[in-house]
Each structure stands twice: as structure tokens, then as C-alpha cells.
């Protein structure tokens, strides 16, 4: 079960990071964009670290207050959840 969670978080964070990069490229070309709601939902679904890195590396959505608040909040939430999961639930071998 723990391995699945780690794999899920790796995939969702890499995917989120990629989507932020694609959206930034599309913004520069004035093409169809990924909705902000989708970007935030990806962060809240576990991709907060990927979203944060995408914001910093691509300099994307860094001036939007909702992203400045919700993305770090997502990272904090998932960090607390993982710490609880790692500390409070027994390991299964």
C-alpha cells in the first residue's frame, strides 16, 4: 500500500509539473490554456510539490494570489498527511 502511495505521488507531481510547463508555453504562444481550476485541482490532488516547482521554474502563476496560497497549502497538507501515515500507521511487510 505504501509503495502505491509513493508511486501515485511521483506520477501526480511529475504530471502536474509538466502541465504547468505546457500551460506556460501555451500562454507565450497565445494558444488554448489549461484552466486555472485544473491547475489547482492537480495541486490539491497530491501534485502540490510539482505545482510549486512549476511555478518557480517556469515563473508561471506566481502573481495569482490563489496560487500563492493554495499551492503551498497543498504541499503542507500532503506533508502532514504523509508524516501521519508514516508515523501512526504500522508498516506492512
PDB file of N, CA and C in Angstrom:
ATOM      1  N   UNK A   1       0.818  -1.198   0.000  1.00  0.00           N
ATOM      2  CA  UNK A   1       0.000   0.000   0.000  1.00  0.00           C
ATOM      3  C   UNK A   1       0.865   1.267   0.000  1.00  0.00           C
ATOM      4  N   UNK A   2       1.924   1.259   0.804  1.00  0.00           N
ATOM      5  CA  UNK A   2       2.786   2.431   0.875  1.00  0.00           C
ATOM      6  C   UNK A   2       3.503   2.677  -0.447  1.00  0.00           C
ATOM      7  N   UNK A   3       3.863   1.591  -1.126  1.00  0.00           N
ATOM      8  CA  UNK A   3       4.529   1.735  -2.414  1.00  0.00           C
ATOM      9  C   UNK A   3       3.590   2.384  -3.425  1.00  0.00           C
ATOM     10  N   UNK A   4       2.321   2.029  -3.380  1.00  0.00           N
ATOM     11  CA  UNK A   4       1.343   2.615  -4.287  1.00  0.00           C
ATOM     12  C   UNK A   4       1.197   4.113  -4.047  1.00  0.00           C
ATOM     13  N   UNK A   5       1.200   4.507  -2.795  1.00  0.00           N
ATOM     14  CA  UNK A   5       1.094   5.920  -2.463  1.00  0.00           C
ATOM     15  C   UNK A   5       2.308   6.690  -2.987  1.00  0.00           C
ATOM     16  N   UNK A   6       3.487   6.122  -2.822  1.00  0.00           N
ATOM     17  CA  UNK A   6       4.705   6.770  -3.305  1.00  0.00           C
ATOM     18  C   UNK A   6       4.670   6.885  -4.824  1.00  0.00           C
ATOM     19  N   UNK A   7       4.278   5.822  -5.504  1.00  0.00           N
ATOM     20  CA  UNK A   7       4.191   5.850  -6.968  1.00  0.00           C
ATOM     21  C   UNK A   7       3.149   6.874  -7.411  1.00  0.00           C
ATOM     22  N   UNK A   8       1.995   6.897  -6.743  1.00  0.00           N
ATOM     23  CA  UNK A   8       0.953   7.871  -7.079  1.00  0.00           C
ATOM     24  C   UNK A   8       1.484   9.300  -6.949  1.00  0.00           C
ATOM     25  N   UNK A   9       2.136   9.592  -5.838  1.00  0.00           N
ATOM     26  CA  UNK A   9       2.639  10.946  -5.611  1.00  0.00           C
ATOM     27  C   UNK A   9       3.726  11.324  -6.614  1.00  0.00           C
ATOM     28  N   UNK A  10       4.548  10.379  -6.992  1.00  0.00           N
ATOM     29  CA  UNK A  10       5.562  10.661  -8.002  1.00  0.00           C
ATOM     30  C   UNK A  10       4.906  10.988  -9.344  1.00  0.00           C
ATOM     31  N   UNK A  11       3.925  10.192  -9.731  1.00  0.00           N
ATOM     32  CA  UNK A  11       3.250  10.402 -11.015  1.00  0.00           C
ATOM     33  C   UNK A  11       2.473  11.713 -11.021  1.00  0.00           C
ATOM     34  N   UNK A  12       1.708  11.977  -9.971  1.00  0.00           N
ATOM     35  CA  UNK A  12       0.886  13.194  -9.945  1.00  0.00           C
ATOM     36  C   UNK A  12       1.769  14.443  -9.908  1.00  0.00           C
ATOM     37  N   UNK A  13       2.899  14.389  -9.212  1.00  0.00           N
ATOM     38  CA  UNK A  13       3.782  15.553  -9.159  1.00  0.00           C
ATOM     39  C   UNK A  13       4.509  15.781 -10.477  1.00  0.00           C
ATOM     40  N   UNK A  14       4.982  14.735 -11.114  1.00  0.00           N
ATOM     41  CA  UNK A  14       5.611  14.883 -12.427  1.00  0.00           C
ATOM     42  C   UNK A  14       4.606  15.372 -13.459  1.00  0.00           C
ATOM     43  N   UNK A  15       3.396  14.830 -13.400  1.00  0.00           N
ATOM     44  CA  UNK A  15       2.348  15.252 -14.327  1.00  0.00           C
ATOM     45  C   UNK A  15       1.984  16.717 -14.107  1.00  0.00           C
ATOM     46  N   UNK A  16       1.823  17.102 -12.868  1.00  0.00           N
ATOM     47  CA  UNK A  16       1.465  18.483 -12.546  1.00  0.00           C
ATOM     48  C   UNK A  16       2.550  19.442 -13.007  1.00  0.00           C
ATOM     49  N   UNK A  17       3.795  19.103 -12.730  1.00  0.00           N
ATOM     50  CA  UNK A  17       4.914  19.923 -13.174  1.00  0.00           C
ATOM     51  C   UNK A  17       4.878  20.082 -14.698  1.00  0.00           C
ATOM     52  N   UNK A  18       4.635  18.996 -15.406  1.00  0.00           N
ATOM     53  CA  UNK A  18       4.577  19.031 -16.865  1.00  0.00           C
ATOM     54  C   UNK A  18       3.432  19.900 -17.365  1.00  0.00           C
ATOM     55  N   UNK A  19       2.275  19.784 -16.731  1.00  0.00           N
ATOM     56  CA  UNK A  19       1.111  20.572 -17.145  1.00  0.00           C
ATOM     57  C   UNK A  19       1.383  22.061 -16.942  1.00  0.00           C
ATOM     58  N   UNK A  20       2.041  22.421 -15.852  1.00  0.00           N
ATOM     59  CA  UNK A  20       2.391  23.827 -15.631  1.00  0.00           C
ATOM     60  C   UNK A  20       3.337  24.315 -16.729  1.00  0.00           C
ATOM     61  N   UNK A  21       4.285  23.476 -17.116  1.00  0.00           N
ATOM     62  CA  UNK A  21       5.203  23.856 -18.186  1.00  0.00           C
ATOM     63  C   UNK A  21       4.500  24.015 -19.523  1.00  0.00           C
ATOM     64  N   UNK A  22       3.611  23.087 -19.844  1.00  0.00           N
ATOM     65  CA  UNK A  22       2.852  23.167 -21.093  1.00  0.00           C
ATOM     66  C   UNK A  22       1.967  24.403 -21.094  1.00  0.00           C
ATOM     67  N   UNK A  23       1.322  24.683 -19.976  1.00  0.00           N
ATOM     68  CA  UNK A  23       0.452  25.852 -19.906  1.00  0.00           C
ATOM     69  C   UNK A  23       1.253  27.140 -20.094  1.00  0.00           C
ATOM     70  N   UNK A  24       2.459  27.192 -19.546  1.00  0.00           N
ATOM     71  CA  UNK A  24       3.302  28.377 -19.721  1.00  0.00           C
ATOM     72  C   UNK A  24       3.682  28.553 -21.195  1.00  0.00           C
ATOM     73  N   UNK A  25       4.035  27.453 -21.854  1.00  0.00           N
ATOM     74  CA  UNK A  25       4.361  27.525 -23.280  1.00  0.00           C
ATOM     75  C   UNK A  25       3.168  28.016 -24.092  1.00  0.00           C
ATOM     76  N   UNK A  26       2.001  27.491 -23.772  1.00  0.00           N
ATOM     77  CA  UNK A  26       0.799  27.909 -24.484  1.00  0.00           C
ATOM     78  C   UNK A  26       0.470  29.376 -24.219  1.00  0.00           C
ATOM     79  N   UNK A  27       0.748  29.839 -23.018  1.00  0.00           N
ATOM     80  CA  UNK A  27       0.500  31.245 -22.698  1.00  0.00           C
ATOM     81  C   UNK A  27       1.393  32.142 -23.554  1.00  0.00           C
ATOM     82  N   UNK A  28       2.626  31.747 -23.730  1.00  0.00           N
ATOM     83  CA  UNK A  28       3.551  32.542 -24.545  1.00  0.00           C
ATOM     84  C   UNK A  28       3.114  32.592 -26.005  1.00  0.00           C
ATOM     85  N   UNK A  29       2.538  31.478 -26.485  1.00  0.00           N
ATOM     86  CA  UNK A  29       2.112  31.397 -27.890  1.00  0.00           C
ATOM     87  C   UNK A  29       0.683  31.878 -28.098  1.00  0.00           C
ATOM     88  N   UNK A  30       0.051  32.288 -27.005  1.00  0.00           N
ATOM     89  CA  UNK A  30      -1.341  32.741 -27.043  1.00  0.00           C
ATOM     90  C   UNK A  30      -2.274  31.664 -27.604  1.00  0.00           C
ATOM     91  N   UNK A  31      -2.053  30.431 -27.161  1.00  0.00           N
ATOM     92  CA  UNK A  31      -2.878  29.292 -27.559  1.00  0.00           C
ATOM     93  C   UNK A  31      -3.851  28.951 -26.443  1.00  0.00           C
ATOM     94  N   UNK A  32      -4.669  27.901 -26.704  1.00  0.00           N
ATOM     95  CA  UNK A  32      -5.624  27.416 -25.708  1.00  0.00           C
ATOM     96  C   UNK A  32      -4.866  27.060 -24.435  1.00  0.00           C
ATOM     97  N   UNK A  33      -5.430  27.422 -23.288  1.00  0.00           N
ATOM     98  CA  UNK A  33      -4.764  27.272 -21.996  1.00  0.00           C
ATOM     99  C   UNK A  33      -5.448  26.217 -21.146  1.00  0.00           C
ATOM    100  N   UNK A  34      -4.699  25.696 -20.209  1.00  0.00           N
ATOM    101  CA  UNK A  34      -5.242  24.798 -19.194  1.00  0.00           C
ATOM    102  C   UNK A  34      -5.990  25.676 -18.193  1.00  0.00           C
ATOM    103  N   UNK A  35      -7.231  25.340 -17.880  1.00  0.00           N
ATOM    104  CA  UNK A  35      -7.975  26.170 -16.914  1.00  0.00           C
ATOM    105  C   UNK A  35      -7.275  26.227 -15.551  1.00  0.00           C
ATOM    106  N   UNK A  36      -7.366  27.387 -14.912  1.00  0.00           N
ATOM    107  CA  UNK A  36      -6.744  27.556 -13.593  1.00  0.00           C
ATOM    108  C   UNK A  36      -7.302  26.549 -12.597  1.00  0.00           C
ATOM    109  N   UNK A  37      -8.575  26.261 -12.718  1.00  0.00           N
ATOM    110  CA  UNK A  37      -9.195  25.282 -11.814  1.00  0.00           C
ATOM    111  C   UNK A  37      -8.496  23.929 -11.919  1.00  0.00           C
ATOM    112  N   UNK A  38      -8.168  23.515 -13.140  1.00  0.00           N
ATOM    113  CA  UNK A  38      -7.474  22.240 -13.344  1.00  0.00           C
ATOM    114  C   UNK A  38      -6.093  22.274 -12.713  1.00  0.00           C
ATOM    115  N   UNK A  39      -5.384  23.374 -12.895  1.00  0.00           N
ATOM    116  CA  UNK A  39      -4.052  23.501 -12.295  1.00  0.00           C
ATOM    117  C   UNK A  39      -4.116  23.390 -10.772  1.00  0.00           C
ATOM    118  N   UNK A  40      -5.097  24.037 -10.176  1.00  0.00           N
ATOM    119  CA  UNK A  40      -5.241  23.976  -8.717  1.00  0.00           C
ATOM    120  C   UNK A  40      -5.688  22.596  -8.243  1.00  0.00           C
ATOM    121  N   UNK A  41      -6.588  21.963  -8.987  1.00  0.00           N
ATOM    122  CA  UNK A  41      -7.045  20.623  -8.599  1.00  0.00           C
ATOM    123  C   UNK A  41      -5.910  19.609  -8.668  1.00  0.00           C
ATOM    124  N   UNK A  42      -5.032  19.745  -9.642  1.00  0.00           N
ATOM    125  CA  UNK A  42      -3.866  18.859  -9.710  1.00  0.00           C
ATOM    126  C   UNK A  42      -2.989  19.039  -8.468  1.00  0.00           C
ATOM    127  N   UNK A  43      -2.805  20.280  -8.052  1.00  0.00           N
ATOM    128  CA  UNK A  43      -2.009  20.537  -6.848  1.00  0.00           C
ATOM    129  C   UNK A  43      -2.676  19.930  -5.619  1.00  0.00           C
ATOM    130  N   UNK A  44      -3.971  20.120  -5.495  1.00  0.00           N
ATOM    131  CA  UNK A  44      -4.683  19.611  -4.320  1.00  0.00           C
ATOM    132  C   UNK A  44      -4.806  18.090  -4.314  1.00  0.00           C
ATOM    133  N   UNK A  45      -4.717  17.479  -5.492  1.00  0.00           N
ATOM    134  CA  UNK A  45      -4.816  16.016  -5.597  1.00  0.00           C
ATOM    135  C   UNK A  45      -3.506  15.322  -5.251  1.00  0.00           C
ATOM    136  N   UNK A  46      -2.527  16.076  -4.822  1.00  0.00           N
ATOM    137  CA  UNK A  46      -1.254  15.492  -4.428  1.00  0.00           C
ATOM    138  C   UNK A  46      -0.081  16.021  -5.213  1.00  0.00           C
ATOM    139  N   UNK A  47      -0.340  16.855  -6.205  1.00  0.00           N
ATOM    140  CA  UNK A  47       0.727  17.385  -7.032  1.00  0.00           C
ATOM    141  C   UNK A  47       1.217  18.748  -6.592  1.00  0.00           C
ATOM    142  N   UNK A  48       1.093  19.055  -5.334  1.00  0.00           N
ATOM    143  CA  UNK A  48       1.478  20.367  -4.828  1.00  0.00           C
ATOM    144  C   UNK A  48       2.944  20.686  -5.015  1.00  0.00           C
ATOM    145  N   UNK A  49       3.804  19.707  -4.784  1.00  0.00           N
ATOM    146  CA  UNK A  49       5.233  19.953  -4.952  1.00  0.00           C
ATOM    147  C   UNK A  49       5.560  20.204  -6.427  1.00  0.00           C
ATOM    148  N   UNK A  50       4.960  19.420  -7.324  1.00  0.00           N
ATOM    149  CA  UNK A  50       5.156  19.631  -8.756  1.00  0.00           C
ATOM    150  C   UNK A  50       4.624  20.982  -9.194  1.00  0.00           C
ATOM    151  N   UNK A  51       3.485  21.388  -8.631  1.00  0.00           N
ATOM    152  CA  UNK A  51       2.915  22.696  -8.943  1.00  0.00           C
ATOM    153  C   UNK A  51       3.830  23.807  -8.438  1.00  0.00           C
ATOM    154  N   UNK A  52       4.327  23.661  -7.239  1.00  0.00           N
ATOM    155  CA  UNK A  52       5.218  24.675  -6.671  1.00  0.00           C
ATOM    156  C   UNK A  52       6.486  24.805  -7.509  1.00  0.00           C
ATOM    157  N   UNK A  53       7.070  23.674  -7.872  1.00  0.00           N
ATOM    158  CA  UNK A  53       8.277  23.701  -8.698  1.00  0.00           C
ATOM    159  C   UNK A  53       7.968  24.282 -10.078  1.00  0.00           C
ATOM    160  N   UNK A  54       6.811  23.951 -10.637  1.00  0.00           N
ATOM    161  CA  UNK A  54       6.409  24.516 -11.920  1.00  0.00           C
ATOM    162  C   UNK A  54       6.230  26.021 -11.849  1.00  0.00           C
ATOM    163  N   UNK A  55       5.662  26.482 -10.747  1.00  0.00           N
ATOM    164  CA  UNK A  55       5.501  27.924 -10.565  1.00  0.00           C
ATOM    165  C   UNK A  55       6.854  28.619 -10.507  1.00  0.00           C
ATOM    166  N   UNK A  56       7.795  28.028  -9.810  1.00  0.00           N
ATOM    167  CA  UNK A  56       9.105  28.655  -9.639  1.00  0.00           C
ATOM    168  C   UNK A  56       9.969  28.535 -10.896  1.00  0.00           C
ATOM    169  N   UNK A  57      10.068  27.352 -11.455  1.00  0.00           N
ATOM    170  CA  UNK A  57      10.956  27.135 -12.590  1.00  0.00           C
ATOM    171  C   UNK A  57      10.435  27.825 -13.853  1.00  0.00           C
ATOM    172  N   UNK A  58       9.128  27.697 -14.124  1.00  0.00           N
ATOM    173  CA  UNK A  58       8.559  28.303 -15.328  1.00  0.00           C
ATOM    174  C   UNK A  58       8.085  29.737 -15.088  1.00  0.00           C
ATOM    175  N   UNK A  59       8.153  30.193 -13.850  1.00  0.00           N
ATOM    176  CA  UNK A  59       7.630  31.503 -13.446  1.00  0.00           C
ATOM    177  C   UNK A  59       6.192  31.662 -13.952  1.00  0.00           C
ATOM    178  N   UNK A  60       5.381  30.716 -13.530  1.00  0.00           N
ATOM    179  CA  UNK A  60       4.010  30.639 -14.023  1.00  0.00           C
ATOM    180  C   UNK A  60       3.029  30.714 -12.855  1.00  0.00           C
ATOM    181  N   UNK A  61       2.080  31.620 -12.938  1.00  0.00           N
ATOM    182  CA  UNK A  61       1.027  31.807 -11.939  1.00  0.00           C
ATOM    183  C   UNK A  61       1.565  32.324 -10.610  1.00  0.00           C
ATOM    184  N   UNK A  62       2.734  32.917 -10.616  1.00  0.00           N
ATOM    185  CA  UNK A  62       3.338  33.361  -9.362  1.00  0.00           C
ATOM    186  C   UNK A  62       2.704  34.640  -8.818  1.00  0.00           C
ATOM    187  N   UNK A  63       1.988  35.384  -9.654  1.00  0.00           N
ATOM    188  CA  UNK A  63       1.361  36.626  -9.190  1.00  0.00           C
ATOM    189  C   UNK A  63      -0.108  36.440  -8.819  1.00  0.00           C
ATOM    190  N   UNK A  64      -0.634  35.245  -9.016  1.00  0.00           N
ATOM    191  CA  UNK A  64      -2.033  34.969  -8.686  1.00  0.00           C
ATOM    192  C   UNK A  64      -2.133  34.572  -7.215  1.00  0.00           C
ATOM    193  N   UNK A  65      -2.886  35.338  -6.455  1.00  0.00           N
ATOM    194  CA  UNK A  65      -2.986  35.124  -5.012  1.00  0.00           C
ATOM    195  C   UNK A  65      -3.489  33.722  -4.669  1.00  0.00           C
ATOM    196  N   UNK A  66      -4.454  33.223  -5.428  1.00  0.00           N
ATOM    197  CA  UNK A  66      -4.989  31.897  -5.098  1.00  0.00           C
ATOM    198  C   UNK A  66      -3.918  30.815  -5.268  1.00  0.00           C
ATOM    199  N   UNK A  67      -3.013  30.974  -6.214  1.00  0.00           N
ATOM    200  CA  UNK A  67      -1.927  30.019  -6.384  1.00  0.00           C
ATOM    201  C   UNK A  67      -0.882  30.201  -5.288  1.00  0.00           C
ATOM    202  N   UNK A  68      -0.614  31.439  -4.909  1.00  0.00           N
ATOM    203  CA  UNK A  68       0.361  31.717  -3.848  1.00  0.00           C
ATOM    204  C   UNK A  68      -0.077  31.102  -2.520  1.00  0.00           C
ATOM    205  N   UNK A  69      -1.380  30.979  -2.327  1.00  0.00           N
ATOM    206  CA  UNK A  69      -1.894  30.436  -1.067  1.00  0.00           C
ATOM    207  C   UNK A  69      -2.163  28.936  -1.172  1.00  0.00           C
ATOM    208  N   UNK A  70      -2.896  28.517  -2.195  1.00  0.00           N
ATOM    209  CA  UNK A  70      -3.364  27.132  -2.265  1.00  0.00           C
ATOM    210  C   UNK A  70      -2.275  26.115  -2.592  1.00  0.00           C
ATOM    211  N   UNK A  71      -1.311  26.483  -3.415  1.00  0.00           N
ATOM    212  CA  UNK A  71      -0.253  25.519  -3.750  1.00  0.00           C
ATOM    213  C   UNK A  71       0.610  25.207  -2.522  1.00  0.00           C
ATOM    214  N   UNK A  72       1.141  26.195  -1.795  1.00  0.00           N
ATOM    215  CA  UNK A  72       1.891  25.854  -0.581  1.00  0.00           C
ATOM    216  C   UNK A  72       1.022  25.151   0.478  1.00  0.00           C
ATOM    217  N   UNK A  73      -0.241  25.531   0.547  1.00  0.00           N
ATOM    218  CA  UNK A  73      -1.152  24.862   1.474  1.00  0.00           C
ATOM    219  C   UNK A  73      -1.308  23.390   1.111  1.00  0.00           C
ATOM    220  N   UNK A  74      -1.369  23.101  -0.168  1.00  0.00           N
ATOM    221  CA  UNK A  74      -1.450  21.722  -0.639  1.00  0.00           C
ATOM    222  C   UNK A  74      -0.187  20.944  -0.257  1.00  0.00           C
ATOM    223  N   UNK A  75       0.968  21.561  -0.455  1.00  0.00           N
ATOM    224  CA  UNK A  75       2.233  20.911  -0.077  1.00  0.00           C
ATOM    225  C   UNK A  75       2.229  20.623   1.420  1.00  0.00           C
ATOM    226  N   UNK A  76       1.809  21.586   2.219  1.00  0.00           N
ATOM    227  CA  UNK A  76       1.751  21.404   3.673  1.00  0.00           C
ATOM    228  C   UNK A  76       0.791  20.271   4.053  1.00  0.00           C
ATOM    229  N   UNK A  77      -0.403  20.274   3.459  1.00  0.00           N
ATOM    230  CA  UNK A  77      -1.404  19.249   3.759  1.00  0.00           C
ATOM    231  C   UNK A  77      -0.870  17.851   3.459  1.00  0.00           C
ATOM    232  N   UNK A  78      -0.293  17.672   2.274  1.00  0.00           N
ATOM    233  CA  UNK A  78       0.203  16.352   1.889  1.00  0.00           C
ATOM    234  C   UNK A  78       1.415  15.952   2.733  1.00  0.00           C
ATOM    235  N   UNK A  79       2.218  16.908   3.145  1.00  0.00           N
ATOM    236  CA  UNK A  79       3.356  16.606   4.011  1.00  0.00           C
ATOM    237  C   UNK A  79       2.867  16.113   5.368  1.00  0.00           C
ATOM    238  N   UNK A  80       1.887  16.798   5.931  1.00  0.00           N
ATOM    239  CA  UNK A  80       1.310  16.376   7.211  1.00  0.00           C
ATOM    240  C   UNK A  80       0.670  14.999   7.075  1.00  0.00           C
ATOM    241  N   UNK A  81      -0.071  14.791   6.002  1.00  0.00           N
ATOM    242  CA  UNK A  81      -0.723  13.503   5.767  1.00  0.00           C
ATOM    243  C   UNK A  81       0.304  12.380   5.657  1.00  0.00           C
ATOM    244  N   UNK A  82       1.368  12.613   4.944  1.00  0.00           N
ATOM    245  CA  UNK A  82       2.408  11.587   4.798  1.00  0.00           C
ATOM    246  C   UNK A  82       3.132  11.323   6.108  1.00  0.00           C
ATOM    247  N   UNK A  83       3.394  12.380   6.870  1.00  0.00           N
ATOM    248  CA  UNK A  83       4.033  12.187   8.183  1.00  0.00           C
ATOM    249  C   UNK A  83       3.130  11.390   9.106  1.00  0.00           C
ATOM    250  N   UNK A  84       1.854  11.713   9.117  1.00  0.00           N
ATOM    251  CA  UNK A  84       0.907  10.947   9.930  1.00  0.00           C
ATOM    252  C   UNK A  84       0.883   9.497   9.483  1.00  0.00           C
ATOM    253  N   UNK A  85       0.797   9.306   8.192  1.00  0.00           N
ATOM    254  CA  UNK A  85       0.739   7.961   7.631  1.00  0.00           C
ATOM    255  C   UNK A  85       1.993   7.171   7.992  1.00  0.00           C
ATOM    256  N   UNK A  86       3.150   7.829   7.897  1.00  0.00           N
ATOM    257  CA  UNK A  86       4.413   7.139   8.182  1.00  0.00           C
ATOM    258  C   UNK A  86       4.609   6.867   9.676  1.00  0.00           C
ATOM    259  N   UNK A  87       4.126   7.773  10.521  1.00  0.00           N
ATOM    260  CA  UNK A  87       4.386   7.640  11.954  1.00  0.00           C
ATOM    261  C   UNK A  87       3.308   6.874  12.719  1.00  0.00           C
ATOM    262  N   UNK A  88       2.083   6.996  12.280  1.00  0.00           N
ATOM    263  CA  UNK A  88       0.977   6.464  13.062  1.00  0.00           C
ATOM    264  C   UNK A  88       0.435   5.130  12.571  1.00  0.00           C
ATOM    265  N   UNK A  89       0.670   4.802  11.349  1.00  0.00           N
ATOM    266  CA  UNK A  89       0.162   3.538  10.829  1.00  0.00           C
ATOM    267  C   UNK A  89       1.286   2.517  10.784  1.00  0.00           C
ATOM    268  N   UNK A  90       1.001   1.287  11.176  1.00  0.00           N
ATOM    269  CA  UNK A  90       2.056   0.269  11.209  1.00  0.00           C
ATOM    270  C   UNK A  90       2.515  -0.086   9.782  1.00  0.00           C
ATOM    271  N   UNK A  91       3.800  -0.405   9.689  1.00  0.00           N
ATOM    272  CA  UNK A  91       4.351  -0.849   8.405  1.00  0.00           C
ATOM    273  C   UNK A  91       3.902  -2.248   8.110  1.00  0.00           C
ATOM    274  N   UNK A  92       3.625  -2.534   6.866  1.00  0.00           N
ATOM    275  CA  UNK A  92       3.244  -3.895   6.493  1.00  0.00           C
ATOM    276  C   UNK A  92       4.340  -4.465   5.591  1.00  0.00           C
ATOM    277  N   UNK A  93       4.830  -5.608   5.993  1.00  0.00           N
ATOM    278  CA  UNK A  93       5.901  -6.259   5.219  1.00  0.00           C
ATOM    279  C   UNK A  93       5.375  -7.497   4.579  1.00  0.00           C
TER     280      UNK A  93
END
